Amino acid sequence: MPDWKTHEKICELILGKKYSEVHRLMDLLYPLKNHRKLWGHNIRDMIIISLLQKNPLEAFIAAYLHKLADDIFPKDKLKRLILEKIILKL
């Protein structure tokens, strides 16, 4: 899964805003093992997080982009770091 800066950059590119608070809340239980299963990475939790924001619809999209990036980013550390560097340079 990508780091916070990469999550923020993805949102900035797509939504025009970083949505740092959404990413912080989604990863609230990190570094607990299985933190994504415990909180933040399911539809119910993403809705709750979104409703706490000024623009709930865009915040939900940011939350979904966060989950999507976590799910599709390479597990291999080197490949992930290369992809993060590419995204951060956009």
Protein backbone atom coordinates (compact mmCIF):
# COMPACT_ATOMS: atom_id res chain seq x y z
CA MET A 1 0.00 0.00 0.00
CA PRO A 2 1.23 3.50 -0.78
CA ASP A 3 2.35 6.07 1.75
CA TRP A 4 0.21 9.07 2.74
CA LYS A 5 1.97 11.47 0.37
CA THR A 6 1.08 9.20 -2.54
CA HIS A 7 -2.55 8.92 -1.37
CA GLU A 8 -2.68 12.71 -1.14
CA LYS A 9 -1.11 13.17 -4.59
CA ILE A 10 -3.62 10.78 -6.19
CA CYS A 11 -6.49 12.80 -4.69
CA GLU A 12 -4.87 16.09 -5.66
CA LEU A 13 -4.55 14.91 -9.27
CA ILE A 14 -8.12 13.60 -9.50
CA LEU A 15 -10.07 15.81 -7.07
CA GLY A 16 -7.89 18.92 -6.88
CA LYS A 17 -7.44 18.56 -3.11
CA LYS A 18 -5.29 16.29 -0.90
CA TYR A 19 -7.96 15.18 1.61
CA SER A 20 -5.30 14.58 4.28
CA GLU A 21 -7.89 14.18 7.04
CA VAL A 22 -9.66 11.40 5.11
CA HIS A 23 -6.39 9.49 4.73
CA ARG A 24 -5.49 10.04 8.38
CA LEU A 25 -8.85 8.69 9.52
CA MET A 26 -8.73 5.72 7.18
CA ASP A 27 -5.36 4.68 8.59
CA LEU A 28 -6.19 5.61 12.17
CA LEU A 29 -5.34 2.13 13.47
CA TYR A 30 -2.06 1.79 11.53
CA PRO A 31 0.40 0.16 12.40
CA LEU A 32 -1.82 -2.51 13.96
CA LYS A 33 -1.72 -5.73 12.04
CA ASN A 34 -4.79 -6.02 9.81
CA HIS A 35 -5.67 -2.36 10.48
CA ARG A 36 -7.52 -2.21 7.14
CA LYS A 37 -9.84 -5.04 8.19
CA LEU A 38 -10.51 -3.42 11.57
CA TRP A 39 -11.36 0.12 10.45
CA GLY A 40 -11.65 2.49 7.53
CA HIS A 41 -11.40 0.24 4.52
CA ASN A 42 -15.02 -0.83 4.05
CA ILE A 43 -18.01 1.04 2.66
CA ARG A 44 -19.61 1.69 6.07
CA ASP A 45 -16.46 3.23 7.54
CA MET A 46 -15.76 5.24 4.39
CA ILE A 47 -19.28 6.71 4.61
CA ILE A 48 -18.76 7.60 8.28
CA ILE A 49 -15.40 9.23 7.51
CA SER A 50 -16.94 11.11 4.57
CA LEU A 51 -19.84 12.46 6.59
CA LEU A 52 -17.36 14.07 8.98
CA GLN A 53 -15.94 16.21 6.15
CA LYS A 54 -17.10 19.50 4.65
CA ASN A 55 -17.75 17.94 1.24
CA PRO A 56 -18.98 14.39 1.96
CA LEU A 57 -19.33 13.33 -1.67
CA GLU A 58 -15.78 14.25 -2.66
CA ALA A 59 -14.50 12.92 0.68
CA PHE A 60 -16.11 9.56 -0.10
CA ILE A 61 -14.41 9.53 -3.51
CA ALA A 62 -11.10 10.30 -1.74
CA ALA A 63 -11.71 7.43 0.68
CA TYR A 64 -12.53 5.10 -2.18
CA LEU A 65 -9.39 6.17 -4.06
CA HIS A 66 -7.41 5.44 -0.88
CA LYS A 67 -8.85 1.92 -0.66
CA LEU A 68 -8.39 1.32 -4.37
CA ALA A 69 -4.74 2.39 -4.24
CA ASP A 70 -4.14 0.14 -1.22
CA ASP A 71 -5.70 -2.78 -3.08
CA ILE A 72 -3.93 -2.38 -6.42
CA PHE A 73 -0.46 -1.10 -5.48
CA PRO A 74 2.26 -3.73 -5.85
CA LYS A 75 3.09 -5.75 -2.74
CA ASP A 76 6.71 -5.88 -3.85
CA LYS A 77 8.47 -3.03 -2.03
CA LEU A 78 10.75 -2.00 -4.90
CA LYS A 79 7.91 -1.92 -7.43
CA ARG A 80 5.76 0.04 -4.98
CA LEU A 81 8.51 2.60 -4.35
CA ILE A 82 9.07 3.08 -8.08
CA LEU A 83 5.34 3.62 -8.67
CA GLU A 84 5.16 6.06 -5.73
CA LYS A 85 8.08 8.09 -7.14
CA ILE A 86 6.38 8.27 -10.55
CA ILE A 87 3.08 9.45 -9.05
CA LEU A 88 4.74 12.01 -6.80
CA LYS A 89 6.51 13.57 -9.80
CA LEU A 90 3.23 14.16 -11.69
